[in-house]
Amino acid sequence: MMSTILITGAGTGFGKEIALRLAAQGHEVVAGVEIIAQVTALREAAAERGVELEVVKLDVTDAGDRAQFADRDIDVLVNNAGVSEGGSTLDIPAARLERQFDVNVLGPVLLTQIVGRRMVRRGSGKIVFMSSVAGLTTDPFTGAYSASKHAVEAFADALHQELAEFGIQVATINPGPFLTGFNDTMFETWKEWRDDPSTRVFDYEELAFPHEQFDPEPVFETTVAVVTGEDTAYRHVLPIDTVDATWKQMDEVWARHQNEGRERAPLVQKAYDIEPATPAE
């Protein structure tokens, strides 16, 4: 069956490609983009691929943009819109912390309320959250982003339980480090801070995203499969061969002791040593 699918953050990255692939399968895709300038670009991309989709301005932090879906039935909501703020928890300015949670948590949840209530009345629907492996683990300099994704995981888990009786499915996609530019940009957001650089704990010109990064194809394939019902699992850590490492990182917290001495953490050191956009082999 063909579905009506709303995808947020479809102007770039994961959302854009997923929207185009679902449209190619014949689904009615409503592709939400953050700013008007992205509307024409996405329409042109769809024309180049020979597919049709509806492109709308949908800044998830804008109540007016969210309200346009109050009277519209959506079969699948893909909460993909997101931003990433890099930097030490001691350094990130308040306004940047607030935006991190406005875009990644509050906006998507408030949109989900609007779309989800209509799903409840209809007795069917699916809500997919583009979370992250950072919703399960935390690395240095990604505390704000990881905290926002931990919050997404909590809302998704609650909704999974709350909406079961109404025939609504919930799933999360948990990408690890994929080479889309998103992770490297996270380590450049400091350039937009309006603070006194002399008060910062770290010099961010010296740091880069501390992981090798993968080709994003598994995220496209898995998300499409989840949306269409081919994949019915709740959580999807990607790439699949990083699942064991993710479990290990989660388990290590339980056995962790407080810091002793003045030894730099390994991933902090790697942030100094690695080059931006380093591909995984």
C-alpha atoms as a PDB file:
ATOM      1  CA  MET A   1       0.000   0.000   0.000  1.00  0.00           C
ATOM      2  CA  MET A   2       1.165   3.520  -0.784  1.00  0.00           C
ATOM      3  CA  SER A   3       1.417   5.836   2.216  1.00  0.00           C
ATOM      4  CA  THR A   4       1.470   9.550   2.941  1.00  0.00           C
ATOM      5  CA  ILE A   5       4.845  10.193   4.547  1.00  0.00           C
ATOM      6  CA  LEU A   6       5.979  13.414   6.210  1.00  0.00           C
ATOM      7  CA  ILE A   7       9.739  13.823   6.508  1.00  0.00           C
ATOM      8  CA  THR A   8      11.280  16.752   8.368  1.00  0.00           C
ATOM      9  CA  GLY A   9      14.737  18.086   7.628  1.00  0.00           C
ATOM     10  CA  ALA A  10      14.440  16.896   4.031  1.00  0.00           C
ATOM     11  CA  GLY A  11      16.466  19.709   2.537  1.00  0.00           C
ATOM     12  CA  THR A  12      19.822  18.016   3.096  1.00  0.00           C
ATOM     13  CA  GLY A  13      21.565  14.834   4.220  1.00  0.00           C
ATOM     14  CA  PHE A  14      19.676  11.735   5.272  1.00  0.00           C
ATOM     15  CA  GLY A  15      16.250  13.339   4.952  1.00  0.00           C
ATOM     16  CA  LYS A  16      16.726  14.470   1.379  1.00  0.00           C
ATOM     17  CA  GLU A  17      17.837  11.095   0.044  1.00  0.00           C
ATOM     18  CA  ILE A  18      15.212   9.174   2.028  1.00  0.00           C
ATOM     19  CA  ALA A  19      12.472  11.462   0.716  1.00  0.00           C
ATOM     20  CA  LEU A  20      13.607  10.968  -2.883  1.00  0.00           C
ATOM     21  CA  ARG A  21      13.806   7.184  -2.531  1.00  0.00           C
ATOM     22  CA  LEU A  22      10.360   6.894  -0.968  1.00  0.00           C
ATOM     23  CA  ALA A  23       8.901   9.113  -3.680  1.00  0.00           C
ATOM     24  CA  ALA A  24      10.520   6.841  -6.275  1.00  0.00           C
ATOM     25  CA  GLN A  25       8.545   3.954  -4.767  1.00  0.00           C
ATOM     26  CA  GLY A  26       5.323   5.829  -5.442  1.00  0.00           C
ATOM     27  CA  HIS A  27       4.538   7.064  -1.937  1.00  0.00           C
ATOM     28  CA  GLU A  28       3.010  10.472  -1.350  1.00  0.00           C
ATOM     29  CA  VAL A  29       5.963  12.221   0.246  1.00  0.00           C
ATOM     30  CA  VAL A  30       5.659  15.548   2.018  1.00  0.00           C
ATOM     31  CA  ALA A  31       9.217  16.818   2.351  1.00  0.00           C
ATOM     32  CA  GLY A  32       9.621  19.467   5.029  1.00  0.00           C
ATOM     33  CA  VAL A  33      12.573  21.835   4.681  1.00  0.00           C
ATOM     34  CA  GLU A  34      13.769  24.386   7.217  1.00  0.00           C
ATOM     35  CA  ILE A  35      14.037  27.465   4.988  1.00  0.00           C
ATOM     36  CA  ILE A  36      12.342  28.704   1.820  1.00  0.00           C
ATOM     37  CA  ALA A  37      15.640  28.663  -0.072  1.00  0.00           C
ATOM     38  CA  GLN A  38      15.671  24.845   0.151  1.00  0.00           C
ATOM     39  CA  VAL A  39      12.258  24.425  -1.487  1.00  0.00           C
ATOM     40  CA  THR A  40      13.351  25.058  -5.073  1.00  0.00           C
ATOM     41  CA  ALA A  41      16.571  23.082  -4.652  1.00  0.00           C
ATOM     42  CA  LEU A  42      14.683  19.981  -3.495  1.00  0.00           C
ATOM     43  CA  ARG A  43      12.077  20.307  -6.236  1.00  0.00           C
ATOM     44  CA  GLU A  44      14.888  20.452  -8.780  1.00  0.00           C
ATOM     45  CA  ALA A  45      16.546  17.385  -7.233  1.00  0.00           C
ATOM     46  CA  ALA A  46      13.233  15.505  -7.484  1.00  0.00           C
ATOM     47  CA  ALA A  47      12.843  16.516 -11.127  1.00  0.00           C
ATOM     48  CA  GLU A  48      16.359  15.291 -11.890  1.00  0.00           C
ATOM     49  CA  ARG A  49      15.481  11.922 -10.328  1.00  0.00           C
ATOM     50  CA  GLY A  50      12.162  11.799 -12.188  1.00  0.00           C
ATOM     51  CA  VAL A  51      10.053  11.636  -9.013  1.00  0.00           C
ATOM     52  CA  GLU A  52       7.265  13.722  -7.546  1.00  0.00           C
ATOM     53  CA  LEU A  53       7.044  14.960  -3.991  1.00  0.00           C
ATOM     54  CA  GLU A  54       5.476  17.856  -2.153  1.00  0.00           C
ATOM     55  CA  VAL A  55       7.970  20.282  -0.673  1.00  0.00           C
ATOM     56  CA  VAL A  56       6.855  22.530   2.183  1.00  0.00           C
ATOM     57  CA  LYS A  57       8.593  24.926   4.517  1.00  0.00           C
ATOM     58  CA  LEU A  58       8.604  23.194   7.877  1.00  0.00           C
ATOM     59  CA  ASP A  59      10.874  24.637  10.530  1.00  0.00           C
ATOM     60  CA  VAL A  60      10.018  22.312  13.407  1.00  0.00           C
ATOM     61  CA  THR A  61      10.671  25.121  15.901  1.00  0.00           C
ATOM     62  CA  ASP A  62       8.006  27.319  14.254  1.00  0.00           C
ATOM     63  CA  ALA A  63       4.507  26.829  15.698  1.00  0.00           C
ATOM     64  CA  GLY A  64       2.920  28.181  12.522  1.00  0.00           C
ATOM     65  CA  ASP A  65       4.812  25.723  10.338  1.00  0.00           C
ATOM     66  CA  ARG A  66       3.802  22.838  12.592  1.00  0.00           C
ATOM     67  CA  ALA A  67       0.154  23.921  12.619  1.00  0.00           C
ATOM     68  CA  GLN A  68      -0.248  23.318   8.877  1.00  0.00           C
ATOM     69  CA  PHE A  69      -0.553  19.603   9.685  1.00  0.00           C
ATOM     70  CA  ALA A  70      -3.341  19.948  12.236  1.00  0.00           C
ATOM     71  CA  ASP A  71      -5.964  18.927   9.666  1.00  0.00           C
ATOM     72  CA  ARG A  72      -3.935  16.564   7.533  1.00  0.00           C
ATOM     73  CA  ASP A  73      -3.705  12.805   7.821  1.00  0.00           C
ATOM     74  CA  ILE A  74      -0.158  11.444   7.772  1.00  0.00           C
ATOM     75  CA  ASP A  75       0.492   7.701   7.706  1.00  0.00           C
ATOM     76  CA  VAL A  76       4.187   7.925   8.639  1.00  0.00           C
ATOM     77  CA  LEU A  77       6.007  10.754  10.374  1.00  0.00           C
ATOM     78  CA  VAL A  78       9.783  10.710  10.060  1.00  0.00           C
ATOM     79  CA  ASN A  79      11.284  13.103  12.609  1.00  0.00           C
ATOM     80  CA  ASN A  80      14.577  13.643  10.851  1.00  0.00           C
ATOM     81  CA  ALA A  81      15.282  17.358  11.352  1.00  0.00           C
ATOM     82  CA  GLY A  82      18.233  17.993  13.612  1.00  0.00           C
ATOM     83  CA  VAL A  83      21.307  20.071  14.331  1.00  0.00           C
ATOM     84  CA  SER A  84      24.519  19.273  16.153  1.00  0.00           C
ATOM     85  CA  GLU A  85      26.388  21.594  18.492  1.00  0.00           C
ATOM     86  CA  GLY A  86      29.965  20.616  19.209  1.00  0.00           C
ATOM     87  CA  GLY A  87      32.076  21.758  22.112  1.00  0.00           C
ATOM     88  CA  SER A  88      32.783  21.171  25.747  1.00  0.00           C
ATOM     89  CA  THR A  89      29.837  21.363  28.115  1.00  0.00           C
ATOM     90  CA  LEU A  90      31.705  24.155  29.942  1.00  0.00           C
ATOM     91  CA  ASP A  91      32.105  26.245  26.781  1.00  0.00           C
ATOM     92  CA  ILE A  92      28.892  26.100  24.726  1.00  0.00           C
ATOM     93  CA  PRO A  93      26.954  29.384  25.046  1.00  0.00           C
ATOM     94  CA  ALA A  94      23.435  29.266  26.499  1.00  0.00           C
ATOM     95  CA  ALA A  95      21.723  30.306  23.271  1.00  0.00           C
ATOM     96  CA  ARG A  96      23.409  27.459  21.394  1.00  0.00           C
ATOM     97  CA  LEU A  97      22.361  24.942  24.044  1.00  0.00           C
ATOM     98  CA  GLU A  98      18.784  26.159  23.798  1.00  0.00           C
ATOM     99  CA  ARG A  99      18.764  25.834  20.006  1.00  0.00           C
ATOM    100  CA  GLN A 100      20.166  22.306  20.274  1.00  0.00           C
ATOM    101  CA  PHE A 101      17.139  21.220  22.276  1.00  0.00           C
ATOM    102  CA  ASP A 102      14.605  23.373  20.406  1.00  0.00           C
ATOM    103  CA  VAL A 103      15.465  21.748  17.065  1.00  0.00           C
ATOM    104  CA  ASN A 104      16.242  18.203  18.150  1.00  0.00           C
ATOM    105  CA  VAL A 105      13.712  17.684  20.930  1.00  0.00           C
ATOM    106  CA  LEU A 106      10.981  20.266  21.521  1.00  0.00           C
ATOM    107  CA  GLY A 107      10.133  20.974  17.876  1.00  0.00           C
ATOM    108  CA  PRO A 108       9.869  17.309  16.854  1.00  0.00           C
ATOM    109  CA  VAL A 109       7.867  16.370  19.950  1.00  0.00           C
ATOM    110  CA  LEU A 110       5.382  19.215  19.429  1.00  0.00           C
ATOM    111  CA  LEU A 111       4.983  18.215  15.767  1.00  0.00           C
ATOM    112  CA  THR A 112       4.510  14.611  16.870  1.00  0.00           C
ATOM    113  CA  GLN A 113       1.711  15.727  19.172  1.00  0.00           C
ATOM    114  CA  ILE A 114      -0.147  17.289  16.241  1.00  0.00           C
ATOM    115  CA  VAL A 115       0.352  14.422  13.810  1.00  0.00           C
ATOM    116  CA  GLY A 116       0.079  11.703  16.465  1.00  0.00           C
ATOM    117  CA  ARG A 117      -3.348  12.787  17.722  1.00  0.00           C
ATOM    118  CA  ARG A 118      -4.786  12.333  14.235  1.00  0.00           C
ATOM    119  CA  MET A 119      -3.147   8.903  14.073  1.00  0.00           C
ATOM    120  CA  VAL A 120      -4.837   8.005  17.370  1.00  0.00           C
ATOM    121  CA  ARG A 121      -8.232   9.064  16.056  1.00  0.00           C
ATOM    122  CA  ARG A 122      -7.633   7.066  12.879  1.00  0.00           C
ATOM    123  CA  GLY A 123      -6.309   4.027  14.745  1.00  0.00           C
ATOM    124  CA  SER A 124      -3.124   3.609  12.723  1.00  0.00           C
ATOM    125  CA  GLY A 125       0.193   5.239  11.956  1.00  0.00           C
ATOM    126  CA  LYS A 126       3.936   5.099  12.368  1.00  0.00           C
ATOM    127  CA  ILE A 127       6.375   7.511  13.999  1.00  0.00           C
ATOM    128  CA  VAL A 128      10.070   7.186  13.177  1.00  0.00           C
ATOM    129  CA  PHE A 129      12.704   9.168  15.062  1.00  0.00           C
ATOM    130  CA  MET A 130      16.071   9.796  13.447  1.00  0.00           C
ATOM    131  CA  SER A 131      18.000   9.438  16.685  1.00  0.00           C
ATOM    132  CA  SER A 132      21.685   8.554  16.828  1.00  0.00           C
ATOM    133  CA  VAL A 133      24.108   6.170  18.443  1.00  0.00           C
ATOM    134  CA  ALA A 134      24.765   9.322  20.478  1.00  0.00           C
ATOM    135  CA  GLY A 135      21.341   8.744  21.989  1.00  0.00           C
ATOM    136  CA  LEU A 136      22.810   5.630  23.607  1.00  0.00           C
ATOM    137  CA  THR A 137      26.425   6.658  24.254  1.00  0.00           C
ATOM    138  CA  THR A 138      28.343   9.901  24.758  1.00  0.00           C
ATOM    139  CA  ASP A 139      31.678  11.146  23.432  1.00  0.00           C
ATOM    140  CA  PRO A 140      33.702  14.186  24.459  1.00  0.00           C
ATOM    141  CA  PHE A 141      32.665  17.474  22.832  1.00  0.00           C
ATOM    142  CA  THR A 142      29.289  16.041  21.827  1.00  0.00           C
ATOM    143  CA  GLY A 143      27.540  16.334  25.187  1.00  0.00           C
ATOM    144  CA  ALA A 144      24.865  18.786  24.022  1.00  0.00           C
ATOM    145  CA  TYR A 145      24.034  16.799  20.898  1.00  0.00           C
ATOM    146  CA  SER A 146      24.125  13.495  22.755  1.00  0.00           C
ATOM    147  CA  ALA A 147      21.894  14.861  25.515  1.00  0.00           C
ATOM    148  CA  SER A 148      19.317  15.933  22.941  1.00  0.00           C
ATOM    149  CA  LYS A 149      19.347  12.482  21.368  1.00  0.00           C
ATOM    150  CA  HIS A 150      19.084  10.792  24.773  1.00  0.00           C
ATOM    151  CA  ALA A 151      15.939  12.889  25.219  1.00  0.00           C
ATOM    152  CA  VAL A 152      14.654  11.732  21.831  1.00  0.00           C
ATOM    153  CA  GLU A 153      15.207   8.133  22.903  1.00  0.00           C
ATOM    154  CA  ALA A 154      13.164   8.737  26.062  1.00  0.00           C
ATOM    155  CA  PHE A 155      10.231  10.243  24.161  1.00  0.00           C
ATOM    156  CA  ALA A 156      10.330   7.466  21.569  1.00  0.00           C
ATOM    157  CA  ASP A 157      10.333   4.764  24.257  1.00  0.00           C
ATOM    158  CA  ALA A 158       7.425   6.408  26.069  1.00  0.00           C
ATOM    159  CA  LEU A 159       5.416   6.734  22.856  1.00  0.00           C
ATOM    160  CA  HIS A 160       6.105   3.107  21.942  1.00  0.00           C
ATOM    161  CA  GLN A 161       4.377   2.093  25.154  1.00  0.00           C
ATOM    162  CA  GLU A 162       1.667   4.751  25.212  1.00  0.00           C
ATOM    163  CA  LEU A 163       0.465   4.314  21.632  1.00  0.00           C
ATOM    164  CA  ALA A 164       0.479   0.526  21.368  1.00  0.00           C
ATOM    165  CA  GLU A 165      -3.258   0.243  22.066  1.00  0.00           C
ATOM    166  CA  PHE A 166      -4.028   2.688  19.255  1.00  0.00           C
ATOM    167  CA  GLY A 167      -2.292   0.686  16.522  1.00  0.00           C
ATOM    168  CA  ILE A 168       0.603   3.113  16.166  1.00  0.00           C
ATOM    169  CA  GLN A 169       4.152   1.881  15.647  1.00  0.00           C
ATOM    170  CA  VAL A 170       7.285   3.689  16.828  1.00  0.00           C
ATOM    171  CA  ALA A 171      10.883   3.105  15.714  1.00  0.00           C
ATOM    172  CA  THR A 172      14.285   4.741  16.050  1.00  0.00           C
ATOM    173  CA  ILE A 173      17.160   4.948  13.601  1.00  0.00           C
ATOM    174  CA  ASN A 174      20.519   5.252  15.381  1.00  0.00           C
ATOM    175  CA  PRO A 175      23.257   6.187  12.916  1.00  0.00           C
ATOM    176  CA  GLY A 176      26.836   6.104  14.063  1.00  0.00           C
ATOM    177  CA  PRO A 177      29.518   8.224  12.373  1.00  0.00           C
ATOM    178  CA  PHE A 178      28.508   8.602   8.723  1.00  0.00           C
ATOM    179  CA  LEU A 179      30.318  10.815   6.250  1.00  0.00           C
ATOM    180  CA  THR A 180      27.648  13.366   5.289  1.00  0.00           C
ATOM    181  CA  GLY A 181      29.349  16.524   6.570  1.00  0.00           C
ATOM    182  CA  PHE A 182      27.051  16.629   9.608  1.00  0.00           C
ATOM    183  CA  ASN A 183      29.660  15.428  12.100  1.00  0.00           C
ATOM    184  CA  ASP A 184      32.459  17.631  10.826  1.00  0.00           C
ATOM    185  CA  THR A 185      30.197  20.690  10.822  1.00  0.00           C
ATOM    186  CA  MET A 186      29.435  19.971  14.481  1.00  0.00           C
ATOM    187  CA  PHE A 187      33.082  20.711  15.243  1.00  0.00           C
ATOM    188  CA  GLU A 188      32.872  24.072  13.459  1.00  0.00           C
ATOM    189  CA  THR A 189      29.854  25.560  15.247  1.00  0.00           C
ATOM    190  CA  TRP A 190      32.195  27.354  17.662  1.00  0.00           C
ATOM    191  CA  LYS A 191      32.876  29.831  14.860  1.00  0.00           C
ATOM    192  CA  GLU A 192      29.346  31.195  15.380  1.00  0.00           C
ATOM    193  CA  TRP A 193      29.564  31.541  19.143  1.00  0.00           C
ATOM    194  CA  ARG A 194      29.111  35.033  20.572  1.00  0.00           C
ATOM    195  CA  ASP A 195      31.356  34.619  23.589  1.00  0.00           C
ATOM    196  CA  ASP A 196      34.765  35.614  24.833  1.00  0.00           C
ATOM    197  CA  PRO A 197      37.228  33.077  23.349  1.00  0.00           C
ATOM    198  CA  SER A 198      39.660  33.713  26.190  1.00  0.00           C
ATOM    199  CA  THR A 199      37.221  32.092  28.629  1.00  0.00           C
ATOM    200  CA  ARG A 200      37.037  28.795  26.736  1.00  0.00           C
ATOM    201  CA  VAL A 201      38.540  25.655  28.209  1.00  0.00           C
ATOM    202  CA  PHE A 202      39.511  24.288  24.773  1.00  0.00           C
ATOM    203  CA  ASP A 203      40.920  25.725  21.547  1.00  0.00           C
ATOM    204  CA  TYR A 204      38.520  24.368  18.938  1.00  0.00           C
ATOM    205  CA  GLU A 205      40.792  25.168  16.024  1.00  0.00           C
ATOM    206  CA  GLU A 206      42.828  22.168  17.173  1.00  0.00           C
ATOM    207  CA  LEU A 207      39.947  19.660  17.413  1.00  0.00           C
ATOM    208  CA  ALA A 208      38.049  17.490  14.934  1.00  0.00           C
ATOM    209  CA  PHE A 209      35.300  14.878  15.116  1.00  0.00           C
ATOM    210  CA  PRO A 210      37.084  11.931  16.805  1.00  0.00           C
ATOM    211  CA  HIS A 211      35.854   9.045  14.635  1.00  0.00           C
ATOM    212  CA  GLU A 212      36.445   7.632  11.196  1.00  0.00           C
ATOM    213  CA  GLN A 213      33.222   7.899   9.181  1.00  0.00           C
ATOM    214  CA  PHE A 214      31.225   5.499   7.009  1.00  0.00           C
ATOM    215  CA  ASP A 215      29.350   5.673   3.726  1.00  0.00           C
ATOM    216  CA  PRO A 216      25.702   6.618   4.540  1.00  0.00           C
ATOM    217  CA  GLU A 217      24.033   4.022   2.294  1.00  0.00           C
ATOM    218  CA  PRO A 218      22.964   1.744   5.206  1.00  0.00           C
ATOM    219  CA  VAL A 219      21.017   4.627   6.763  1.00  0.00           C
ATOM    220  CA  PHE A 220      19.100   5.255   3.537  1.00  0.00           C
ATOM    221  CA  GLU A 221      18.295   1.586   3.035  1.00  0.00           C
ATOM    222  CA  THR A 222      17.294   0.895   6.625  1.00  0.00           C
ATOM    223  CA  THR A 223      15.126   3.979   7.049  1.00  0.00           C
ATOM    224  CA  VAL A 224      13.218   3.260   3.838  1.00  0.00           C
ATOM    225  CA  ALA A 225      12.674  -0.323   5.007  1.00  0.00           C
ATOM    226  CA  VAL A 226      11.387   0.862   8.391  1.00  0.00           C
ATOM    227  CA  VAL A 227       9.035   3.412   6.841  1.00  0.00           C
ATOM    228  CA  THR A 228       7.575   0.913   4.383  1.00  0.00           C
ATOM    229  CA  GLY A 229       7.170  -1.832   6.989  1.00  0.00           C
ATOM    230  CA  GLU A 230       9.742  -4.207   5.546  1.00  0.00           C
ATOM    231  CA  ASP A 231      11.761  -3.821   8.761  1.00  0.00           C
ATOM    232  CA  THR A 232       9.716  -4.037  11.975  1.00  0.00           C
ATOM    233  CA  ALA A 233      12.479  -3.745  14.585  1.00  0.00           C
ATOM    234  CA  TYR A 234      12.235  -0.913  17.103  1.00  0.00           C
ATOM    235  CA  ARG A 235      15.894   0.211  17.269  1.00  0.00           C
ATOM    236  CA  HIS A 236      18.454   0.281  14.458  1.00  0.00           C
ATOM    237  CA  VAL A 237      22.096   0.943  15.354  1.00  0.00           C
ATOM    238  CA  LEU A 238      24.074   1.508  12.142  1.00  0.00           C
ATOM    239  CA  PRO A 239      26.408   0.340  10.743  1.00  0.00           C
ATOM    240  CA  ILE A 240      25.334  -3.072  11.999  1.00  0.00           C
ATOM    241  CA  ASP A 241      28.910  -4.146  12.677  1.00  0.00           C
ATOM    242  CA  THR A 242      29.228  -1.356  15.286  1.00  0.00           C
ATOM    243  CA  VAL A 243      26.486  -2.799  17.504  1.00  0.00           C
ATOM    244  CA  ASP A 244      28.906  -4.749  19.712  1.00  0.00           C
ATOM    245  CA  ALA A 245      31.130  -1.708  20.198  1.00  0.00           C
ATOM    246  CA  THR A 246      28.082   0.345  21.155  1.00  0.00           C
ATOM    247  CA  TRP A 247      27.018  -2.248  23.730  1.00  0.00           C
ATOM    248  CA  LYS A 248      30.569  -2.255  25.103  1.00  0.00           C
ATOM    249  CA  GLN A 249      30.641   1.523  25.460  1.00  0.00           C
ATOM    250  CA  MET A 250      27.275   1.455  27.254  1.00  0.00           C
ATOM    251  CA  ASP A 251      28.388  -1.336  29.584  1.00  0.00           C
ATOM    252  CA  GLU A 252      31.671   0.352  30.485  1.00  0.00           C
ATOM    253  CA  VAL A 253      29.796   3.171  32.200  1.00  0.00           C
ATOM    254  CA  TRP A 254      28.518   0.729  34.829  1.00  0.00           C
ATOM    255  CA  ALA A 255      32.049  -0.229  35.824  1.00  0.00           C
ATOM    256  CA  ARG A 256      33.501   3.245  35.564  1.00  0.00           C
ATOM    257  CA  HIS A 257      35.391   4.934  38.422  1.00  0.00           C
ATOM    258  CA  GLN A 258      35.866   8.630  38.928  1.00  0.00           C
ATOM    259  CA  ASN A 259      38.888  10.224  37.298  1.00  0.00           C
ATOM    260  CA  GLU A 260      42.204   9.978  39.102  1.00  0.00           C
ATOM    261  CA  GLY A 261      45.242  12.001  38.219  1.00  0.00           C
ATOM    262  CA  ARG A 262      45.457  14.156  35.089  1.00  0.00           C
ATOM    263  CA  GLU A 263      45.384  11.719  32.193  1.00  0.00           C
ATOM    264  CA  ARG A 264      43.689  12.907  28.996  1.00  0.00           C
ATOM    265  CA  ALA A 265      40.800  10.712  27.841  1.00  0.00           C
ATOM    266  CA  PRO A 266      41.581   8.676  24.684  1.00  0.00           C
ATOM    267  CA  LEU A 267      38.802  10.190  22.543  1.00  0.00           C
ATOM    268  CA  VAL A 268      39.835  13.694  23.595  1.00  0.00           C
ATOM    269  CA  GLN A 269      43.339  12.924  22.365  1.00  0.00           C
ATOM    270  CA  LYS A 270      41.937  11.481  19.144  1.00  0.00           C
ATOM    271  CA  ALA A 271      40.054  14.724  18.540  1.00  0.00           C
ATOM    272  CA  TYR A 272      43.451  16.432  18.478  1.00  0.00           C
ATOM    273  CA  ASP A 273      45.058  13.816  16.259  1.00  0.00           C
ATOM    274  CA  ILE A 274      42.446  12.970  13.603  1.00  0.00           C
ATOM    275  CA  GLU A 275      41.856  14.886  10.379  1.00  0.00           C
ATOM    276  CA  PRO A 276      38.320  16.089   9.590  1.00  0.00           C
ATOM    277  CA  ALA A 277      36.210  13.858   7.316  1.00  0.00           C
ATOM    278  CA  THR A 278      38.464  10.826   7.798  1.00  0.00           C
ATOM    279  CA  PRO A 279      36.753   7.869   6.077  1.00  0.00           C
ATOM    280  CA  ALA A 280      36.471   4.454   7.677  1.00  0.00           C
ATOM    281  CA  GLU A 281      38.358   1.742   5.840  1.00  0.00           C
END
